[in-house]
Amino acid sequence: MGQRNDVSVAPRLVYDDDCGFCTWCAEYAAERGEFELVGFSDLSPDQLARLPEDYEECAHLLTQDRVYSCGAALEEAMARLESPSRYAALLFRQVPEHETLRERGYRFVADNRVTFGKVARRDPPARRSE
């Protein structure tokens, strides 16, 4: 039998790195789970090819075999956290019609991220001086 060279690659959390609230959310996830953060401004051609055409409309989670977008990306990222938040995501999946609720909730927050950024934000990488 040949040797397997399975190298586990951390999921890539793709986010708007010009948004303070988005940066806070991405860094929150990375501090509590195993994610590689990739801002929109740092996407490789291969990563970009996997994303939907309107990728700048929301966050994405790239795994080796799937692409989760918008609310699905948030839900999957939360389910992978090493914190009690994971249980909220897993429990939420049991709610009837949770996909509709998830996407509406995601869109509401995304459309109001400036307001949410007044409560939780970090300096976005795209705006940091080097």
Protein backbone atom coordinates (compact mmCIF):
# COMPACT_ATOMS: atom_id res chain seq x y z
CA MET A 1 0.00 0.00 0.00
CA GLY A 2 1.20 3.48 -0.80
CA GLN A 3 1.56 6.16 1.80
CA ARG A 4 -1.20 8.70 2.04
CA ASN A 5 -0.09 12.30 1.98
CA ASP A 6 -3.25 13.79 3.44
CA VAL A 7 -2.43 17.26 4.52
CA SER A 8 -5.31 18.88 6.27
CA VAL A 9 -5.75 22.38 4.96
CA ALA A 10 -7.54 24.86 7.16
CA PRO A 11 -10.71 26.22 5.58
CA ARG A 12 -10.22 29.65 4.07
CA LEU A 13 -12.54 32.33 5.38
CA VAL A 14 -12.88 34.92 2.61
CA TYR A 15 -14.09 38.33 3.74
CA ASP A 16 -14.20 42.04 2.92
CA ASP A 17 -10.84 43.21 4.25
CA ASP A 18 -11.84 46.85 3.76
CA CYS A 19 -14.61 46.58 6.40
CA GLY A 20 -13.92 46.95 10.13
CA PHE A 21 -16.91 44.86 11.21
CA CYS A 22 -16.08 42.12 8.67
CA THR A 23 -12.48 42.09 9.92
CA TRP A 24 -13.68 41.76 13.53
CA CYS A 25 -15.91 38.81 12.55
CA ALA A 26 -13.15 37.06 10.60
CA GLU A 27 -10.58 37.53 13.37
CA TYR A 28 -13.12 36.38 15.99
CA ALA A 29 -13.51 33.13 14.04
CA ALA A 30 -9.75 32.69 13.56
CA GLU A 31 -9.14 33.19 17.29
CA ARG A 32 -11.63 30.42 18.13
CA GLY A 33 -11.18 27.98 15.27
CA GLU A 34 -8.80 26.86 12.59
CA PHE A 35 -9.23 29.16 9.60
CA GLU A 36 -6.96 30.85 7.12
CA LEU A 37 -8.20 34.40 6.64
CA VAL A 38 -8.18 35.71 3.08
CA GLY A 39 -9.33 39.23 2.34
CA PHE A 40 -10.93 40.12 -0.97
CA SER A 41 -7.79 42.11 -1.83
CA ASP A 42 -5.57 39.04 -1.31
CA LEU A 43 -7.48 36.40 -3.29
CA SER A 44 -5.36 34.21 -5.53
CA PRO A 45 -6.56 33.47 -9.06
CA ASP A 46 -7.37 29.87 -8.00
CA GLN A 47 -9.43 31.07 -5.01
CA LEU A 48 -11.20 33.67 -7.12
CA ALA A 49 -12.11 31.02 -9.69
CA ARG A 50 -13.97 29.05 -7.01
CA LEU A 51 -16.11 31.98 -5.90
CA PRO A 52 -19.38 33.20 -7.42
CA GLU A 53 -19.19 36.14 -9.81
CA ASP A 54 -20.70 38.49 -7.22
CA TYR A 55 -18.31 37.30 -4.49
CA GLU A 56 -17.93 40.79 -3.00
CA GLU A 57 -21.55 40.69 -1.79
CA CYS A 58 -20.74 38.45 1.20
CA ALA A 59 -18.26 36.24 3.04
CA HIS A 60 -17.29 32.75 1.86
CA LEU A 61 -15.78 29.65 3.41
CA LEU A 62 -13.62 27.60 1.07
CA THR A 63 -12.97 24.00 2.07
CA GLN A 64 -11.18 21.40 0.00
CA ASP A 65 -14.43 20.18 -1.52
CA ARG A 66 -17.04 22.93 -1.04
CA VAL A 67 -17.69 26.64 -1.19
CA TYR A 68 -20.09 28.09 1.36
CA SER A 69 -21.34 31.61 0.69
CA CYS A 70 -23.10 34.32 2.67
CA GLY A 71 -25.17 32.94 5.55
CA ALA A 72 -24.08 29.38 4.78
CA ALA A 73 -20.43 30.48 5.21
CA LEU A 74 -21.23 32.06 8.58
CA GLU A 75 -23.18 29.01 9.74
CA GLU A 76 -20.46 26.56 8.71
CA ALA A 77 -17.72 28.71 10.25
CA MET A 78 -19.65 28.92 13.53
CA ALA A 79 -20.16 25.14 13.52
CA ARG A 80 -16.36 24.73 13.27
CA LEU A 81 -15.51 27.05 16.19
CA GLU A 82 -13.93 25.64 19.30
CA SER A 83 -16.31 27.56 21.55
CA PRO A 84 -19.90 27.33 22.79
CA SER A 85 -20.96 29.26 19.66
CA ARG A 86 -20.57 25.99 17.79
CA TYR A 87 -23.53 24.52 19.66
CA ALA A 88 -25.74 27.46 18.74
CA ALA A 89 -24.97 26.84 15.06
CA LEU A 90 -25.61 23.12 15.36
CA LEU A 91 -28.88 23.73 17.21
CA PHE A 92 -29.93 26.38 14.67
CA ARG A 93 -29.63 23.76 11.92
CA GLN A 94 -32.55 21.91 13.54
CA VAL A 95 -34.92 24.88 13.09
CA PRO A 96 -37.40 24.38 10.23
CA GLU A 97 -36.66 26.75 7.32
CA HIS A 98 -33.38 27.72 8.96
CA GLU A 99 -31.75 28.40 5.59
CA THR A 100 -34.24 31.19 4.85
CA LEU A 101 -33.83 32.69 8.32
CA ARG A 102 -30.05 32.40 8.05
CA GLU A 103 -29.83 34.22 4.73
CA ARG A 104 -32.24 36.97 5.80
CA GLY A 105 -30.29 37.46 9.02
CA TYR A 106 -26.99 37.51 7.17
CA ARG A 107 -28.27 40.03 4.64
CA PHE A 108 -29.68 42.29 7.40
CA VAL A 109 -26.34 42.36 9.21
CA ALA A 110 -24.35 42.77 5.98
CA ASP A 111 -26.55 45.66 4.86
CA ASN A 112 -26.09 47.32 8.26
CA ARG A 113 -22.44 46.53 8.90
CA VAL A 114 -21.54 50.19 9.38
CA THR A 115 -23.95 50.31 12.32
CA PHE A 116 -22.73 46.97 13.71
CA GLY A 117 -19.18 48.24 13.24
CA LYS A 118 -19.83 50.93 15.84
CA VAL A 119 -20.11 48.12 18.40
CA ALA A 120 -17.52 45.63 17.09
CA ARG A 121 -14.74 46.44 14.66
CA ARG A 122 -11.03 46.08 13.99
CA ASP A 123 -8.82 48.01 11.64
CA PRO A 124 -9.28 46.37 8.23
CA PRO A 125 -6.08 44.98 6.68
CA ALA A 126 -6.75 46.80 3.42
CA ARG A 127 -6.53 50.11 5.34
CA ARG A 128 -3.57 49.33 7.58
CA SER A 129 -0.39 51.20 6.74
CA GLU A 130 2.64 49.04 6.32
